[in-house]
């Protein structure tokens, strides 16, 4: 997939900077910490872990100077472009899409109630994706990383 082919078809160009990427990384880290809190319901923890996953995808797009447009479908766009944006393994995209569908089922019709195992699978995936994002930024766009 060439990201430029998606311009005007779900993506638009918009420059980014290290402050924006730092905000994304901070939110991702906060959400990952929150979803581990046993004082919060499994349902809410699943939603928060999914948001961390989504924000990794959005941050990856932003690192390329791209942003999903307002026409909808930004969850799918942010997740399905991960192999192109940061080299996330293509074989894991189905798993990400399954998490998206589960979250939507819980949110829109209440038909999904996550188990501890399902939450753990999502958290593990989100943590791995966050690491892949950080490593990619460090190797390819170090100027976008916040100063340590």
N, C-alpha and C. Protein backbone atom coordinates (compact mmCIF):
# COMPACT_ATOMS: atom_id res chain seq x y z
N UNK A 1 0.85 -1.18 0.00
CA UNK A 1 0.00 0.00 0.00
C UNK A 1 0.89 1.24 0.00
N UNK A 2 0.59 2.14 -0.88
CA UNK A 2 1.28 3.42 -0.93
C UNK A 2 0.35 4.45 -0.30
N UNK A 3 0.82 5.08 0.75
CA UNK A 3 -0.03 6.00 1.51
C UNK A 3 -0.57 7.14 0.64
N UNK A 4 0.23 7.60 -0.31
CA UNK A 4 -0.19 8.72 -1.15
C UNK A 4 -1.46 8.39 -1.95
N UNK A 5 -1.68 7.11 -2.25
CA UNK A 5 -2.88 6.74 -3.00
C UNK A 5 -4.14 6.92 -2.17
N UNK A 6 -3.99 7.08 -0.86
CA UNK A 6 -5.14 7.26 0.02
C UNK A 6 -5.48 8.73 0.27
N UNK A 7 -4.65 9.63 -0.28
CA UNK A 7 -4.96 11.06 -0.13
C UNK A 7 -6.27 11.37 -0.83
N UNK A 8 -7.17 12.03 -0.11
CA UNK A 8 -8.48 12.34 -0.65
C UNK A 8 -9.44 11.16 -0.59
N UNK A 9 -8.95 10.02 -0.15
CA UNK A 9 -9.78 8.81 -0.02
C UNK A 9 -9.69 8.28 1.40
N UNK A 10 -9.71 9.19 2.35
CA UNK A 10 -9.65 8.81 3.75
C UNK A 10 -8.52 9.48 4.50
N UNK A 11 -7.50 9.94 3.77
CA UNK A 11 -6.38 10.62 4.40
C UNK A 11 -6.18 12.00 3.78
N UNK A 12 -5.67 12.88 4.61
CA UNK A 12 -5.28 14.21 4.13
C UNK A 12 -3.90 14.54 4.69
N UNK A 13 -3.17 15.38 3.98
CA UNK A 13 -1.85 15.78 4.45
C UNK A 13 -1.96 16.90 5.47
N UNK A 14 -1.13 16.80 6.49
CA UNK A 14 -1.05 17.85 7.51
C UNK A 14 0.26 17.64 8.27
N UNK A 15 1.10 18.64 8.30
CA UNK A 15 2.38 18.48 8.99
C UNK A 15 2.20 18.20 10.48
N UNK A 16 3.20 17.56 11.04
CA UNK A 16 3.22 17.26 12.48
C UNK A 16 4.52 17.77 13.06
N UNK A 17 4.66 17.62 14.36
CA UNK A 17 5.91 18.00 15.03
C UNK A 17 6.10 17.12 16.26
N UNK A 18 7.23 17.29 16.89
CA UNK A 18 7.54 16.44 18.05
C UNK A 18 6.58 16.66 19.21
N UNK A 19 6.03 17.86 19.35
CA UNK A 19 5.08 18.11 20.44
C UNK A 19 3.82 17.27 20.27
N UNK A 20 3.34 17.17 19.03
CA UNK A 20 2.14 16.37 18.79
C UNK A 20 2.43 14.89 19.03
N UNK A 21 3.55 14.40 18.54
CA UNK A 21 3.90 12.99 18.75
C UNK A 21 4.09 12.72 20.25
N UNK A 22 4.67 13.66 20.97
CA UNK A 22 4.83 13.50 22.42
C UNK A 22 3.47 13.40 23.11
N UNK A 23 2.51 14.19 22.65
CA UNK A 23 1.15 14.11 23.23
C UNK A 23 0.55 12.73 22.98
N UNK A 24 0.70 12.24 21.75
CA UNK A 24 0.19 10.90 21.45
C UNK A 24 0.85 9.85 22.33
N UNK A 25 2.18 9.87 22.42
CA UNK A 25 2.88 8.88 23.23
C UNK A 25 2.46 8.97 24.70
N UNK A 26 2.27 10.18 25.20
CA UNK A 26 1.81 10.35 26.58
C UNK A 26 0.43 9.77 26.80
N UNK A 27 -0.48 10.02 25.85
CA UNK A 27 -1.84 9.47 25.97
C UNK A 27 -1.83 7.95 25.86
N UNK A 28 -1.03 7.43 24.95
CA UNK A 28 -0.93 5.98 24.80
C UNK A 28 -0.45 5.35 26.10
N UNK A 29 0.60 5.92 26.67
CA UNK A 29 1.15 5.37 27.91
C UNK A 29 0.14 5.47 29.06
N UNK A 30 -0.58 6.58 29.14
CA UNK A 30 -1.59 6.74 30.19
C UNK A 30 -2.71 5.71 30.04
N UNK A 31 -3.14 5.50 28.80
CA UNK A 31 -4.21 4.53 28.56
C UNK A 31 -3.76 3.11 28.88
N UNK A 32 -2.51 2.80 28.52
CA UNK A 32 -1.99 1.48 28.84
C UNK A 32 -1.90 1.27 30.35
N UNK A 33 -1.54 2.30 31.08
CA UNK A 33 -1.50 2.19 32.55
C UNK A 33 -2.92 2.05 33.10
N UNK A 34 -3.86 2.84 32.58
CA UNK A 34 -5.24 2.80 33.07
C UNK A 34 -5.90 1.44 32.84
N UNK A 35 -5.62 0.83 31.70
CA UNK A 35 -6.31 -0.43 31.40
C UNK A 35 -5.82 -1.58 32.27
N UNK A 36 -4.77 -1.36 33.02
CA UNK A 36 -4.28 -2.38 33.94
C UNK A 36 -4.87 -2.25 35.34
N UNK A 37 -5.64 -1.19 35.57
CA UNK A 37 -6.22 -0.95 36.89
C UNK A 37 -7.39 -1.89 37.15
N UNK A 38 -7.24 -2.75 38.14
CA UNK A 38 -8.30 -3.71 38.46
C UNK A 38 -9.51 -3.07 39.12
N UNK A 39 -9.43 -1.78 39.46
CA UNK A 39 -10.59 -1.10 40.06
C UNK A 39 -11.57 -0.63 38.98
N UNK A 40 -11.20 -0.79 37.73
CA UNK A 40 -12.06 -0.39 36.61
C UNK A 40 -12.65 -1.66 36.00
N UNK A 41 -13.87 -1.57 35.49
CA UNK A 41 -14.52 -2.75 34.90
C UNK A 41 -13.75 -3.27 33.69
N UNK A 42 -13.90 -4.55 33.43
CA UNK A 42 -13.26 -5.16 32.26
C UNK A 42 -13.68 -4.46 30.97
N UNK A 43 -14.95 -4.12 30.88
CA UNK A 43 -15.49 -3.47 29.70
C UNK A 43 -14.77 -2.14 29.45
N UNK A 44 -14.65 -1.32 30.48
CA UNK A 44 -13.98 -0.03 30.35
C UNK A 44 -12.49 -0.21 30.07
N UNK A 45 -11.88 -1.18 30.73
CA UNK A 45 -10.45 -1.44 30.49
C UNK A 45 -10.22 -1.87 29.05
N UNK A 46 -11.13 -2.66 28.49
CA UNK A 46 -11.01 -3.08 27.09
C UNK A 46 -11.11 -1.86 26.17
N UNK A 47 -12.08 -0.99 26.44
CA UNK A 47 -12.23 0.23 25.64
C UNK A 47 -10.97 1.09 25.69
N UNK A 48 -10.41 1.25 26.86
CA UNK A 48 -9.22 2.09 27.04
C UNK A 48 -8.01 1.46 26.34
N UNK A 49 -7.88 0.15 26.44
CA UNK A 49 -6.78 -0.53 25.75
C UNK A 49 -6.93 -0.39 24.24
N UNK A 50 -8.17 -0.49 23.75
CA UNK A 50 -8.42 -0.30 22.32
C UNK A 50 -8.05 1.12 21.90
N UNK A 51 -8.38 2.10 22.73
CA UNK A 51 -8.02 3.49 22.42
C UNK A 51 -6.51 3.65 22.32
N UNK A 52 -5.75 2.96 23.15
CA UNK A 52 -4.29 3.01 23.07
C UNK A 52 -3.83 2.44 21.72
N UNK A 53 -4.43 1.34 21.32
CA UNK A 53 -4.13 0.72 20.04
C UNK A 53 -4.42 1.69 18.90
N UNK A 54 -5.60 2.29 18.93
CA UNK A 54 -6.00 3.24 17.90
C UNK A 54 -5.05 4.44 17.86
N UNK A 55 -4.69 4.95 19.02
CA UNK A 55 -3.81 6.12 19.05
C UNK A 55 -2.42 5.78 18.53
N UNK A 56 -1.98 4.55 18.67
CA UNK A 56 -0.72 4.14 18.04
C UNK A 56 -0.85 4.28 16.52
N UNK A 57 -1.96 3.81 15.98
CA UNK A 57 -2.19 3.92 14.54
C UNK A 57 -2.27 5.36 14.08
N UNK A 58 -2.95 6.18 14.84
CA UNK A 58 -3.06 7.60 14.49
C UNK A 58 -1.70 8.29 14.57
N UNK A 59 -0.93 7.99 15.60
CA UNK A 59 0.41 8.57 15.74
C UNK A 59 1.30 8.15 14.57
N UNK A 60 1.17 6.91 14.14
CA UNK A 60 1.96 6.43 13.00
C UNK A 60 1.62 7.22 11.74
N UNK A 61 0.33 7.47 11.51
CA UNK A 61 -0.06 8.29 10.37
C UNK A 61 0.47 9.71 10.51
N UNK A 62 0.34 10.27 11.70
CA UNK A 62 0.80 11.65 11.92
C UNK A 62 2.31 11.77 11.69
N UNK A 63 3.07 10.73 12.03
CA UNK A 63 4.51 10.74 11.80
C UNK A 63 4.84 10.84 10.31
N UNK A 64 3.90 10.46 9.48
CA UNK A 64 4.06 10.57 8.02
C UNK A 64 3.43 11.86 7.49
N UNK A 65 2.97 12.73 8.39
CA UNK A 65 2.33 13.97 7.95
C UNK A 65 0.95 13.75 7.37
N UNK A 66 0.28 12.70 7.84
CA UNK A 66 -1.06 12.37 7.36
C UNK A 66 -2.04 12.32 8.52
N UNK A 67 -3.28 12.58 8.18
CA UNK A 67 -4.36 12.54 9.18
C UNK A 67 -5.60 11.97 8.50
N UNK A 68 -6.33 11.10 9.19
CA UNK A 68 -7.61 10.65 8.62
C UNK A 68 -8.56 11.84 8.45
N UNK A 69 -9.32 11.82 7.37
CA UNK A 69 -10.28 12.90 7.18
C UNK A 69 -11.50 12.68 8.06
N UNK A 70 -12.46 13.56 7.98
CA UNK A 70 -13.62 13.52 8.87
C UNK A 70 -14.77 12.70 8.29
N UNK A 71 -14.54 11.95 7.24
CA UNK A 71 -15.62 11.21 6.60
C UNK A 71 -15.95 9.89 7.28
N UNK A 72 -15.23 9.54 8.29
CA UNK A 72 -15.48 8.27 8.99
C UNK A 72 -14.53 7.19 8.52
N UNK A 73 -14.51 6.11 9.24
CA UNK A 73 -13.63 5.01 8.90
C UNK A 73 -12.20 5.20 9.37
N UNK A 74 -12.00 6.18 10.27
CA UNK A 74 -10.62 6.46 10.68
C UNK A 74 -10.02 5.34 11.52
N UNK A 75 -10.84 4.57 12.22
CA UNK A 75 -10.30 3.44 12.99
C UNK A 75 -9.70 2.42 12.03
N UNK A 76 -10.46 2.05 11.02
CA UNK A 76 -9.99 1.08 10.03
C UNK A 76 -8.74 1.60 9.33
N UNK A 77 -8.78 2.86 8.91
CA UNK A 77 -7.65 3.46 8.20
C UNK A 77 -6.39 3.45 9.07
N UNK A 78 -6.51 3.86 10.31
CA UNK A 78 -5.34 3.95 11.20
C UNK A 78 -4.75 2.57 11.45
N UNK A 79 -5.58 1.56 11.58
CA UNK A 79 -5.08 0.22 11.88
C UNK A 79 -4.57 -0.51 10.63
N UNK A 80 -5.28 -0.37 9.52
CA UNK A 80 -4.89 -1.12 8.33
C UNK A 80 -3.66 -0.54 7.63
N UNK A 81 -3.29 0.67 7.93
CA UNK A 81 -2.09 1.25 7.32
C UNK A 81 -0.83 0.97 8.14
N UNK A 82 -0.96 0.35 9.29
CA UNK A 82 0.21 0.10 10.16
C UNK A 82 1.35 -0.67 9.49
N UNK A 83 1.09 -1.66 8.63
CA UNK A 83 2.22 -2.31 7.96
C UNK A 83 3.03 -1.33 7.10
N UNK A 84 2.34 -0.37 6.51
CA UNK A 84 3.01 0.62 5.67
C UNK A 84 3.64 1.73 6.50
N UNK A 85 2.94 2.19 7.52
CA UNK A 85 3.45 3.34 8.29
C UNK A 85 4.63 2.97 9.17
N UNK A 86 4.54 1.85 9.88
CA UNK A 86 5.63 1.52 10.83
C UNK A 86 6.12 0.08 10.71
N UNK A 87 5.72 -0.62 9.66
CA UNK A 87 6.19 -1.98 9.47
C UNK A 87 5.59 -3.00 10.41
N UNK A 88 4.42 -2.71 10.96
CA UNK A 88 3.73 -3.68 11.82
C UNK A 88 3.39 -4.90 10.96
N UNK A 89 3.61 -6.12 11.48
CA UNK A 89 3.38 -7.31 10.66
C UNK A 89 1.96 -7.40 10.09
N UNK A 90 1.87 -7.60 8.79
CA UNK A 90 0.57 -7.69 8.12
C UNK A 90 -0.30 -8.80 8.69
N UNK A 91 0.34 -9.87 9.13
CA UNK A 91 -0.45 -11.01 9.63
C UNK A 91 -1.17 -10.69 10.94
N UNK A 92 -0.84 -9.57 11.59
CA UNK A 92 -1.50 -9.19 12.84
C UNK A 92 -2.67 -8.21 12.63
N UNK A 93 -2.87 -7.78 11.39
CA UNK A 93 -3.93 -6.80 11.13
C UNK A 93 -5.31 -7.41 11.38
N UNK A 94 -5.50 -8.67 11.07
CA UNK A 94 -6.79 -9.32 11.35
C UNK A 94 -7.11 -9.29 12.84
N UNK A 95 -6.09 -9.49 13.65
CA UNK A 95 -6.28 -9.45 15.11
C UNK A 95 -6.72 -8.05 15.53
N UNK A 96 -6.06 -7.03 14.99
CA UNK A 96 -6.45 -5.65 15.33
C UNK A 96 -7.88 -5.38 14.90
N UNK A 97 -8.26 -5.88 13.73
CA UNK A 97 -9.61 -5.67 13.25
C UNK A 97 -10.62 -6.41 14.13
N UNK A 98 -10.24 -7.56 14.64
CA UNK A 98 -11.13 -8.29 15.53
C UNK A 98 -11.34 -7.51 16.84
N UNK A 99 -10.29 -6.91 17.37
CA UNK A 99 -10.43 -6.07 18.56
C UNK A 99 -11.37 -4.90 18.27
N UNK A 100 -11.23 -4.31 17.07
CA UNK A 100 -12.09 -3.19 16.68
C UNK A 100 -13.56 -3.63 16.65
N UNK A 101 -13.80 -4.79 16.07
CA UNK A 101 -15.18 -5.31 15.98
C UNK A 101 -15.74 -5.63 17.36
N UNK A 102 -14.92 -6.20 18.23
CA UNK A 102 -15.38 -6.52 19.58
C UNK A 102 -15.75 -5.23 20.33
N UNK A 103 -14.89 -4.23 20.23
CA UNK A 103 -15.17 -2.97 20.90
C UNK A 103 -16.46 -2.36 20.37
N UNK A 104 -16.64 -2.39 19.05
CA UNK A 104 -17.86 -1.84 18.45
C UNK A 104 -19.09 -2.60 18.93
N UNK A 105 -19.00 -3.91 19.03
CA UNK A 105 -20.14 -4.71 19.50
C UNK A 105 -20.48 -4.34 20.94
N UNK A 106 -19.47 -4.13 21.76
CA UNK A 106 -19.73 -3.72 23.14
C UNK A 106 -20.29 -2.32 23.24
N UNK A 107 -19.82 -1.45 22.38
CA UNK A 107 -20.23 -0.05 22.42
C UNK A 107 -21.61 0.19 21.81
N UNK A 108 -21.85 -0.40 20.65
CA UNK A 108 -23.06 -0.06 19.89
C UNK A 108 -24.26 -0.94 20.14
N UNK A 109 -24.06 -2.18 20.54
CA UNK A 109 -25.24 -2.98 20.85
C UNK A 109 -25.12 -3.77 22.15
N UNK A 110 -24.02 -3.56 22.85
CA UNK A 110 -23.84 -4.19 24.16
C UNK A 110 -23.66 -5.69 24.13
N UNK A 111 -23.34 -6.24 22.96
CA UNK A 111 -23.28 -7.70 22.84
C UNK A 111 -21.91 -8.30 23.16
N UNK A 112 -20.92 -7.48 23.48
CA UNK A 112 -19.60 -8.01 23.81
C UNK A 112 -19.21 -7.62 25.22
N UNK A 113 -18.92 -8.64 26.02
CA UNK A 113 -18.42 -8.43 27.37
C UNK A 113 -17.08 -9.14 27.46
N UNK A 114 -15.99 -8.40 27.49
CA UNK A 114 -14.67 -9.03 27.45
C UNK A 114 -14.35 -9.85 28.68
N UNK A 115 -13.61 -10.91 28.45
CA UNK A 115 -13.08 -11.71 29.55
C UNK A 115 -11.70 -11.18 29.91
N UNK A 116 -11.16 -11.66 31.01
CA UNK A 116 -9.79 -11.30 31.39
C UNK A 116 -8.81 -11.69 30.28
N UNK A 117 -9.00 -12.87 29.70
CA UNK A 117 -8.11 -13.34 28.64
C UNK A 117 -8.18 -12.45 27.41
N UNK A 118 -9.39 -12.02 27.04
CA UNK A 118 -9.54 -11.13 25.88
C UNK A 118 -8.92 -9.77 26.15
N UNK A 119 -9.09 -9.27 27.37
CA UNK A 119 -8.46 -8.01 27.74
C UNK A 119 -6.94 -8.16 27.69
N UNK A 120 -6.41 -9.23 28.25
CA UNK A 120 -4.96 -9.45 28.28
C UNK A 120 -4.41 -9.51 26.87
N UNK A 121 -5.12 -10.19 25.95
CA UNK A 121 -4.67 -10.28 24.56
C UNK A 121 -4.60 -8.89 23.92
N UNK A 122 -5.60 -8.06 24.18
CA UNK A 122 -5.61 -6.71 23.63
C UNK A 122 -4.50 -5.87 24.25
N UNK A 123 -4.33 -5.94 25.55
CA UNK A 123 -3.28 -5.16 26.22
C UNK A 123 -1.91 -5.57 25.70
N UNK A 124 -1.66 -6.88 25.61
CA UNK A 124 -0.37 -7.35 25.11
C UNK A 124 -0.12 -6.84 23.68
N UNK A 125 -1.15 -6.86 22.86
CA UNK A 125 -1.03 -6.38 21.49
C UNK A 125 -0.75 -4.87 21.47
N UNK A 126 -1.47 -4.13 22.30
CA UNK A 126 -1.28 -2.68 22.35
C UNK A 126 0.12 -2.32 22.85
N UNK A 127 0.61 -3.03 23.84
CA UNK A 127 1.96 -2.78 24.35
C UNK A 127 2.99 -3.07 23.26
N UNK A 128 2.82 -4.16 22.56
CA UNK A 128 3.73 -4.50 21.46
C UNK A 128 3.68 -3.48 20.34
N UNK A 129 2.48 -3.01 20.02
CA UNK A 129 2.33 -2.00 18.98
C UNK A 129 2.98 -0.69 19.40
N UNK A 130 2.83 -0.32 20.65
CA UNK A 130 3.45 0.90 21.16
C UNK A 130 4.97 0.80 21.03
N UNK A 131 5.52 -0.37 21.34
CA UNK A 131 6.96 -0.57 21.21
C UNK A 131 7.40 -0.51 19.75
N UNK A 132 6.62 -1.11 18.87
CA UNK A 132 6.93 -1.05 17.43
C UNK A 132 6.91 0.40 16.95
N UNK A 133 5.91 1.16 17.38
CA UNK A 133 5.83 2.58 17.02
C UNK A 133 7.05 3.34 17.50
N UNK A 134 7.41 3.16 18.76
CA UNK A 134 8.54 3.89 19.33
C UNK A 134 9.84 3.52 18.61
N UNK A 135 10.04 2.24 18.37
CA UNK A 135 11.25 1.79 17.68
C UNK A 135 11.31 2.38 16.27
N UNK A 136 10.18 2.35 15.57
CA UNK A 136 10.14 2.92 14.22
C UNK A 136 10.46 4.41 14.25
N UNK A 137 9.86 5.13 15.18
CA UNK A 137 10.15 6.56 15.30
C UNK A 137 11.64 6.80 15.56
N UNK A 138 12.19 6.04 16.47
CA UNK A 138 13.60 6.19 16.85
C UNK A 138 14.51 5.95 15.64
N UNK A 139 14.17 4.96 14.83
CA UNK A 139 15.00 4.61 13.68
C UNK A 139 14.75 5.46 12.45
N UNK A 140 13.52 5.95 12.28
CA UNK A 140 13.15 6.62 11.03
C UNK A 140 12.81 8.10 11.16
N UNK A 141 12.34 8.51 12.31
CA UNK A 141 11.94 9.91 12.50
C UNK A 141 12.35 10.38 13.88
N UNK A 142 13.63 10.26 14.23
CA UNK A 142 14.06 10.63 15.59
C UNK A 142 13.78 12.09 15.94
N UNK A 143 13.69 12.93 14.95
CA UNK A 143 13.39 14.35 15.21
C UNK A 143 11.97 14.55 15.75
N UNK A 144 11.11 13.53 15.60
CA UNK A 144 9.75 13.62 16.12
C UNK A 144 9.61 13.12 17.55
N UNK A 145 10.66 12.48 18.06
CA UNK A 145 10.61 12.00 19.44
C UNK A 145 10.88 13.14 20.41
N UNK A 146 10.16 13.11 21.53
CA UNK A 146 10.42 14.13 22.54
C UNK A 146 11.83 13.94 23.11
N UNK A 147 12.43 15.03 23.48
CA UNK A 147 13.76 14.95 24.08
C UNK A 147 13.65 14.31 25.45
N UNK A 148 14.55 13.39 25.73
CA UNK A 148 14.50 12.64 27.00
C UNK A 148 15.14 13.42 28.10
